Amino acid sequence: MEFSVSRNFTAWLERYNVSVALSAYEVGRLFLLGHTPDGRVSLYERSYPRCMGLHASKGSFYMGSLAHLWKFQDFGTDHAIGEGYDAAYVPTRTWTVGDLDIHDVCLNASGELVFAATSFNCVATLSETASFRPIWRPPFIGDLVNEDRCHLNGLCCGPDGSMFVTAFSKTDFFEGWRGTFASQGFLYDVKNEEFLVGNLCMPHSPRLLGADLYVLESGRGMLKKVDPKTGQSEDVAFIPGYCRGLAIMDRYAVVACSTERDGRSFDDLPLADTLSRANRTPACGIFVVNLKTGAIEHYFQMTGAVSQIFDVCILENCKQPMLYGTAMNDLKMIVKPELNASAPAFAAG
């Protein structure tokens, strides 16, 4: 694998004191992207099977994978292995949920972990007694069955209890979306029970920033802005490739991009024509878009073994993070007491 970066990409990371997590599901790799003190790129990777949706929280992030949901917690520099690392992300929690083809994951307004259970056409959460607990499914989906009928994939939640979901079609039969994805996708407002935007070509990754809502129209290679009250949408920026995976921060969008989609070309998508007219070849990596101007100001691109990025999230307050895998010899040395907690006292006698 080789990578290239724009001239000021690491300066942008330095300015905001952030790093970026990337998931590449077809090769089972989770990457943490930061920078060294002298301004070079730092890229740390670990193997996790079919790593997909990512969601960052304070000092931690979550990830969906083949049969599990994971939580990674930053244990700080004391547990970092190697020179210069200022964060050490440790897999502290894992939940076995089975192969639900989990796409997006996030925390809702109550702090509950929710996720797109794509195989079951629903939004779900964790269960103490089963693989998952369904909490919502589209109004056109009749049965809760293990059939990807509409390819429900995108999910985001707001602090006011709002929830927005994307799917490829309104079909209610096994893999019905595969024949209709070119223009039947939609963005749905769960709280208000309404289809907010329709006629989208393979939408992914709805994300909120204050009162603004953004979504990727992957089949067109477009980052879009949506008014969550009216459903009016506008194109913000063209992304040169199959865009899937989005993180929003300040006035910037970090967009993940792929050179293919599950081994298939873009010939049957509007994206192919757009790339041709722009005289661009598709790229794999991330693009940093200025939301005010629509300009791509920075990029990180990968070539070689990785051709598809699934998701991206922003890790705050760390410049050069490292990541633990699941090797027992490494994990058994991770011992960190909660310093603000105290052991209960026992009365003598």
Protein backbone atom coordinates (compact mmCIF):
# COMPACT_ATOMS: atom_id res chain seq x y z
CA MET A 1 0.00 0.00 0.00
CA GLU A 2 1.19 3.49 -0.88
CA PHE A 3 -0.32 6.83 0.02
CA SER A 4 -0.05 10.47 -0.99
CA VAL A 5 -1.21 13.63 0.79
CA SER A 6 -1.90 17.21 -0.11
CA ARG A 7 0.72 19.71 0.91
CA ASN A 8 -1.08 21.09 3.97
CA PHE A 9 -3.05 18.06 5.12
CA THR A 10 -0.98 17.44 8.26
CA ALA A 11 -1.01 21.18 9.02
CA TRP A 12 -4.82 20.99 8.97
CA LEU A 13 -4.74 18.08 11.43
CA GLU A 14 -2.35 20.07 13.63
CA ARG A 15 -4.54 23.17 13.52
CA TYR A 16 -7.58 21.33 14.85
CA ASN A 17 -5.63 18.89 17.05
CA VAL A 18 -7.39 15.89 15.52
CA SER A 19 -6.70 12.54 13.94
CA VAL A 20 -8.90 10.41 11.69
CA ALA A 21 -10.08 6.80 11.90
CA LEU A 22 -10.78 4.93 8.65
CA SER A 23 -12.37 1.53 8.06
CA ALA A 24 -11.57 -0.58 4.99
CA TYR A 25 -13.94 -3.52 5.18
CA GLU A 26 -12.92 -5.51 2.09
CA VAL A 27 -9.41 -6.02 3.50
CA GLY A 28 -10.46 -6.00 7.17
CA ARG A 29 -8.31 -3.05 8.21
CA LEU A 30 -8.89 -0.27 10.72
CA PHE A 31 -6.56 2.73 10.28
CA LEU A 32 -5.74 5.64 12.57
CA LEU A 33 -4.37 8.57 10.61
CA GLY A 34 -2.43 11.32 12.35
CA HIS A 35 0.89 13.13 12.04
CA THR A 36 4.32 13.15 13.63
CA PRO A 37 5.81 16.18 15.41
CA ASP A 38 7.84 17.02 12.29
CA GLY A 39 4.73 17.07 10.07
CA ARG A 40 4.91 13.63 8.44
CA VAL A 41 1.92 11.33 8.13
CA SER A 42 1.41 8.72 10.86
CA LEU A 43 -0.68 5.71 9.82
CA TYR A 44 -1.42 2.94 12.33
CA GLU A 45 -3.41 -0.14 11.31
CA ARG A 46 -4.91 -3.27 12.85
CA SER A 47 -6.91 -6.19 11.46
CA TYR A 48 -10.60 -6.48 12.31
CA PRO A 49 -12.97 -8.56 10.16
CA ARG A 50 -15.25 -6.51 7.90
CA CYS A 51 -14.81 -3.27 9.83
CA MET A 52 -17.46 -0.79 8.72
CA GLY A 53 -19.41 1.94 10.54
CA LEU A 54 -17.51 4.29 12.87
CA HIS A 55 -18.67 6.80 15.47
CA ALA A 56 -16.45 8.98 17.67
CA SER A 57 -17.30 10.02 21.21
CA LYS A 58 -15.24 11.81 23.87
CA GLY A 59 -11.97 9.91 24.21
CA SER A 60 -13.37 6.87 22.42
CA PHE A 61 -14.92 5.54 19.24
CA TYR A 62 -17.21 2.70 18.18
CA MET A 63 -17.00 0.35 15.21
CA GLY A 64 -19.27 -2.23 13.61
CA SER A 65 -17.66 -5.37 12.19
CA LEU A 66 -18.58 -8.81 10.85
CA ALA A 67 -20.22 -10.19 13.98
CA HIS A 68 -19.40 -7.63 16.67
CA LEU A 69 -19.69 -4.06 17.81
CA TRP A 70 -16.54 -2.64 19.38
CA LYS A 71 -15.69 0.24 21.67
CA PHE A 72 -12.14 1.62 21.65
CA GLN A 73 -11.07 3.80 24.58
CA ASP A 74 -8.03 6.07 24.68
CA PHE A 75 -5.82 4.95 27.57
CA GLY A 76 -3.34 7.79 27.02
CA THR A 77 0.38 8.04 26.50
CA ASP A 78 1.26 5.71 29.41
CA HIS A 79 -0.05 2.78 27.38
CA ALA A 80 1.19 3.87 23.97
CA ILE A 81 3.74 1.61 22.32
CA GLY A 82 6.31 3.46 20.24
CA GLU A 83 7.84 6.90 20.23
CA GLY A 84 5.71 9.99 19.70
CA TYR A 85 2.24 8.48 20.16
CA ASP A 86 -0.03 10.63 22.30
CA ALA A 87 -3.09 8.35 22.36
CA ALA A 88 -3.53 4.58 22.74
CA TYR A 89 -6.91 3.21 21.68
CA VAL A 90 -7.74 -0.08 23.38
CA PRO A 91 -10.69 -2.39 22.53
CA THR A 92 -12.37 -2.23 25.94
CA ARG A 93 -15.86 -3.47 25.01
CA THR A 94 -17.19 -5.90 22.44
CA TRP A 95 -20.76 -7.07 21.86
CA THR A 96 -21.55 -10.17 19.82
CA VAL A 97 -24.48 -9.35 17.52
CA GLY A 98 -23.99 -11.77 14.64
CA ASP A 99 -23.70 -10.96 10.96
CA LEU A 100 -26.29 -8.19 10.63
CA ASP A 101 -24.32 -6.42 7.89
CA ILE A 102 -24.01 -3.48 10.28
CA HIS A 103 -23.44 -0.21 8.44
CA ASP A 104 -23.61 3.09 10.36
CA VAL A 105 -23.35 3.19 14.15
CA CYS A 106 -23.94 6.13 16.49
CA LEU A 107 -25.05 7.20 19.96
CA ASN A 108 -28.56 8.60 20.27
CA ALA A 109 -29.68 11.49 22.48
CA SER A 110 -29.83 9.15 25.49
CA GLY A 111 -26.31 7.86 24.94
CA GLU A 112 -27.62 4.49 23.70
CA LEU A 113 -25.62 2.74 20.98
CA VAL A 114 -27.79 2.31 17.88
CA PHE A 115 -26.90 0.94 14.46
CA ALA A 116 -28.21 0.18 10.99
CA ALA A 117 -28.92 -3.57 10.90
CA THR A 118 -28.96 -3.66 7.12
CA SER A 119 -29.75 -7.37 6.77
CA PHE A 120 -32.92 -6.88 8.82
CA ASN A 121 -33.94 -3.51 7.26
CA CYS A 122 -34.08 -1.76 10.61
CA VAL A 123 -32.40 0.47 13.16
CA ALA A 124 -31.44 -1.56 16.20
CA THR A 125 -29.74 -1.38 19.56
CA LEU A 126 -28.08 -3.84 21.90
CA SER A 127 -29.99 -6.54 23.76
CA GLU A 128 -29.20 -8.38 26.98
CA THR A 129 -31.00 -11.52 25.83
CA ALA A 130 -30.66 -11.61 22.03
CA SER A 131 -28.37 -10.53 19.22
CA PHE A 132 -30.09 -7.17 18.87
CA ARG A 133 -33.28 -5.27 19.65
CA PRO A 134 -35.01 -3.58 16.68
CA ILE A 135 -36.25 -0.08 17.46
CA TRP A 136 -37.45 1.20 14.07
CA ARG A 137 -37.99 0.03 10.51
CA PRO A 138 -39.32 1.87 7.44
CA PRO A 139 -43.11 2.03 7.12
CA PHE A 140 -43.09 0.00 3.90
CA ILE A 141 -41.19 -2.95 5.43
CA GLY A 142 -43.62 -5.62 6.54
CA ASP A 143 -41.72 -8.40 8.27
CA LEU A 144 -38.63 -8.45 10.46
CA VAL A 145 -36.67 -11.03 8.47
CA ASN A 146 -33.05 -11.58 7.56
CA GLU A 147 -33.41 -10.20 4.03
CA ASP A 148 -31.75 -7.02 2.81
CA ARG A 149 -34.85 -5.68 1.10
CA CYS A 150 -34.18 -1.93 0.85
CA HIS A 151 -30.50 -1.63 1.86
CA LEU A 152 -31.03 0.59 4.88
CA ASN A 153 -27.49 1.78 5.51
CA GLY A 154 -27.14 5.32 6.86
CA LEU A 155 -27.99 6.63 10.31
CA CYS A 156 -27.44 9.71 12.46
CA CYS A 157 -29.03 11.04 15.66
CA GLY A 158 -29.40 14.55 17.02
CA PRO A 159 -29.36 15.82 20.63
CA ASP A 160 -33.07 16.66 20.35
CA GLY A 161 -34.03 13.03 19.75
CA SER A 162 -34.09 13.36 15.98
CA MET A 163 -32.96 10.48 13.77
CA PHE A 164 -32.28 10.40 10.04
CA VAL A 165 -31.90 7.26 7.95
CA THR A 166 -30.88 6.51 4.36
CA ALA A 167 -31.79 3.53 2.18
CA PHE A 168 -31.49 2.64 -1.51
CA SER A 169 -35.17 1.90 -2.26
CA LYS A 170 -38.69 1.38 -0.91
CA THR A 171 -38.80 -2.28 -1.90
CA ASP A 172 -40.15 -4.96 0.45
CA PHE A 173 -38.73 -8.17 -1.03
CA PHE A 174 -35.36 -9.91 -0.92
CA GLU A 175 -32.63 -7.68 -2.41
CA GLY A 176 -35.29 -5.62 -4.19
CA TRP A 177 -33.02 -2.59 -4.02
CA ARG A 178 -30.55 -4.10 -6.49
CA GLY A 179 -32.81 -3.35 -9.45
CA THR A 180 -33.85 0.15 -8.39
CA PHE A 181 -30.89 1.82 -6.71
CA ALA A 182 -30.15 4.25 -9.59
CA SER A 183 -32.78 6.79 -8.50
CA GLN A 184 -35.00 5.32 -5.78
CA GLY A 185 -32.92 6.12 -2.70
CA PHE A 186 -34.22 8.33 0.08
CA LEU A 187 -33.45 10.21 3.29
CA TYR A 188 -36.04 9.65 6.00
CA ASP A 189 -36.89 11.72 9.09
CA VAL A 190 -37.75 9.14 11.75
CA LYS A 191 -38.90 11.59 14.44
CA ASN A 192 -41.40 13.30 12.14
CA GLU A 193 -42.21 10.13 10.17
CA GLU A 194 -41.66 11.57 6.71
CA PHE A 195 -39.59 11.00 3.60
CA LEU A 196 -37.38 14.08 3.61
CA VAL A 197 -35.58 13.65 0.27
CA GLY A 198 -36.31 11.15 -2.50
CA ASN A 199 -34.92 10.15 -5.90
CA LEU A 200 -31.39 9.80 -4.56
CA CYS A 201 -28.83 7.54 -6.22
CA MET A 202 -27.36 5.27 -3.54
CA PRO A 203 -27.40 7.64 -0.52
CA HIS A 204 -25.11 7.05 2.46
CA SER A 205 -23.85 8.64 5.65
CA PRO A 206 -26.35 11.26 6.90
CA ARG A 207 -24.64 13.55 9.39
CA LEU A 208 -25.80 16.50 11.50
CA LEU A 209 -23.88 19.69 12.25
CA GLY A 210 -26.03 21.93 14.41
CA ALA A 211 -29.18 22.69 12.42
CA ASP A 212 -27.62 21.52 9.15
CA LEU A 213 -27.94 18.02 7.72
CA TYR A 214 -25.51 16.54 5.20
CA VAL A 215 -25.67 13.33 3.18
CA LEU A 216 -23.65 11.59 0.48
CA GLU A 217 -25.26 10.68 -2.84
CA SER A 218 -22.73 8.00 -3.69
CA GLY A 219 -24.06 7.13 -7.15
CA ARG A 220 -23.41 10.70 -8.26
CA GLY A 221 -20.28 11.31 -6.18
CA MET A 222 -21.90 14.25 -4.43
CA LEU A 223 -21.82 15.74 -0.95
CA LYS A 224 -25.22 17.35 -0.34
CA LYS A 225 -26.66 19.73 2.23
CA VAL A 226 -30.29 19.24 3.29
CA ASP A 227 -32.65 21.50 5.21
CA PRO A 228 -34.11 19.09 7.81
CA LYS A 229 -37.27 21.20 8.08
CA THR A 230 -38.17 21.54 4.40
CA GLY A 231 -36.23 18.74 2.72
CA GLN A 232 -34.71 21.16 0.22
CA SER A 233 -31.26 19.99 -0.82
CA GLU A 234 -28.28 21.40 -2.65
CA ASP A 235 -25.02 19.99 -3.95
CA VAL A 236 -21.98 21.11 -1.96
CA ALA A 237 -19.05 19.35 -3.62
CA PHE A 238 -18.23 16.67 -6.16
CA ILE A 239 -16.07 13.87 -4.75
CA PRO A 240 -14.02 11.97 -7.37
CA GLY A 241 -15.10 8.41 -6.63
CA TYR A 242 -17.68 6.36 -4.77
CA CYS A 243 -18.15 8.53 -1.68
CA ARG A 244 -19.28 6.65 1.42
CA GLY A 245 -18.32 7.65 4.95
CA LEU A 246 -18.61 11.19 6.28
CA ALA A 247 -17.52 13.18 9.33
CA ILE A 248 -18.40 16.83 9.94
CA MET A 249 -16.37 19.26 12.05
CA ASP A 250 -16.47 23.03 12.31
CA ARG A 251 -16.76 24.23 8.69
CA TYR A 252 -15.27 21.08 7.16
CA ALA A 253 -16.52 17.73 5.91
CA VAL A 254 -14.17 14.76 5.80
CA VAL A 255 -15.43 12.46 3.04
CA ALA A 256 -14.26 8.88 2.45
CA CYS A 257 -13.95 7.81 -1.18
CA SER A 258 -13.40 4.53 -3.04
CA THR A 259 -12.22 3.53 -6.51
CA GLU A 260 -14.81 0.75 -6.78
CA ARG A 261 -17.91 -0.65 -5.04
CA ASP A 262 -17.74 -4.30 -4.03
CA GLY A 263 -15.64 -5.21 -7.06
CA ARG A 264 -17.97 -3.52 -9.55
CA SER A 265 -17.34 -0.56 -11.83
CA PHE A 266 -19.35 2.66 -11.94
CA ASP A 267 -20.57 2.11 -15.52
CA ASP A 268 -24.21 1.81 -14.46
CA LEU A 269 -24.12 4.96 -12.32
CA PRO A 270 -24.30 8.71 -13.09
CA LEU A 271 -20.92 8.90 -11.36
CA ALA A 272 -19.23 7.40 -14.44
CA ASP A 273 -20.42 10.26 -16.65
CA THR A 274 -19.48 12.87 -14.08
CA LEU A 275 -15.96 11.49 -13.76
CA SER A 276 -15.62 11.38 -17.54
CA ARG A 277 -16.78 14.98 -18.00
CA ALA A 278 -14.41 16.13 -15.26
CA ASN A 279 -11.59 14.08 -16.79
CA ARG A 280 -10.98 12.48 -13.40
CA THR A 281 -10.09 8.97 -12.37
CA PRO A 282 -11.67 7.66 -9.14
CA ALA A 283 -9.61 7.92 -5.97
CA CYS A 284 -9.44 5.97 -2.72
CA GLY A 285 -8.89 7.91 0.49
CA ILE A 286 -10.39 10.94 2.20
CA PHE A 287 -11.10 14.48 0.99
CA VAL A 288 -11.45 17.50 3.27
CA VAL A 289 -14.15 19.82 1.91
CA ASN A 290 -14.69 23.42 2.97
CA LEU A 291 -18.45 23.53 3.58
CA LYS A 292 -18.59 27.29 2.94
CA THR A 293 -16.99 27.18 -0.51
CA GLY A 294 -17.39 23.55 -1.61
CA ALA A 295 -13.67 23.39 -2.37
CA ILE A 296 -11.56 20.30 -1.64
CA GLU A 297 -8.75 21.81 0.41
CA HIS A 298 -6.88 18.69 1.54
CA TYR A 299 -6.68 14.99 0.75
CA PHE A 300 -5.13 11.69 1.76
CA GLN A 301 -5.12 9.05 -0.97
CA MET A 302 -4.24 5.35 -0.90
CA THR A 303 -3.26 2.97 -3.70
CA GLY A 304 -2.48 -0.73 -3.74
CA ALA A 305 -4.26 -3.27 -1.55
CA VAL A 306 -6.96 -0.87 -0.36
CA SER A 307 -9.52 0.31 -2.90
CA GLN A 308 -12.58 0.85 -0.70
CA ILE A 309 -13.01 2.99 2.41
CA PHE A 310 -16.29 2.43 4.22
CA ASP A 311 -16.39 5.07 6.96
CA VAL A 312 -14.45 7.82 8.66
CA CYS A 313 -14.63 9.55 12.04
CA ILE A 314 -12.68 12.36 13.67
CA LEU A 315 -10.72 11.71 16.87
CA GLU A 316 -10.38 14.90 18.87
CA ASN A 317 -7.46 16.00 21.05
CA CYS A 318 -4.87 13.63 19.66
CA LYS A 319 -2.19 14.10 17.05
CA GLN A 320 -0.54 10.71 16.66
CA PRO A 321 -2.72 7.82 17.91
CA MET A 322 -1.87 4.14 18.02
CA LEU A 323 -4.26 1.23 18.14
CA TYR A 324 -4.35 -2.12 19.91
CA GLY A 325 -5.59 -5.29 18.24
CA THR A 326 -6.89 -8.41 19.96
CA ALA A 327 -3.58 -10.18 20.65
CA MET A 328 -3.71 -11.45 24.23
CA ASN A 329 -0.02 -10.81 24.88
CA ASP A 330 -0.65 -7.11 24.28
CA LEU A 331 -3.99 -6.80 26.05
CA LYS A 332 -2.98 -8.60 29.24
CA MET A 333 -0.49 -5.80 29.91
CA ILE A 334 -3.19 -3.12 29.72
CA VAL A 335 -4.05 -2.35 33.34
CA LYS A 336 -5.49 1.06 34.19
CA PRO A 337 -7.52 1.77 37.34
CA GLU A 338 -10.16 4.51 37.34
CA LEU A 339 -8.39 7.17 39.37
CA ASN A 340 -11.47 9.05 40.47
CA ALA A 341 -13.04 5.90 41.92
CA SER A 342 -12.41 4.51 45.38
CA ALA A 343 -12.80 1.03 46.78
CA PRO A 344 -15.62 0.60 49.33
CA ALA A 345 -14.55 0.62 52.93
CA PHE A 346 -15.36 -2.34 55.18
CA ALA A 347 -16.08 -1.95 58.86
CA ALA A 348 -13.67 -3.73 61.18
CA GLY A 349 -14.78 -6.33 63.68
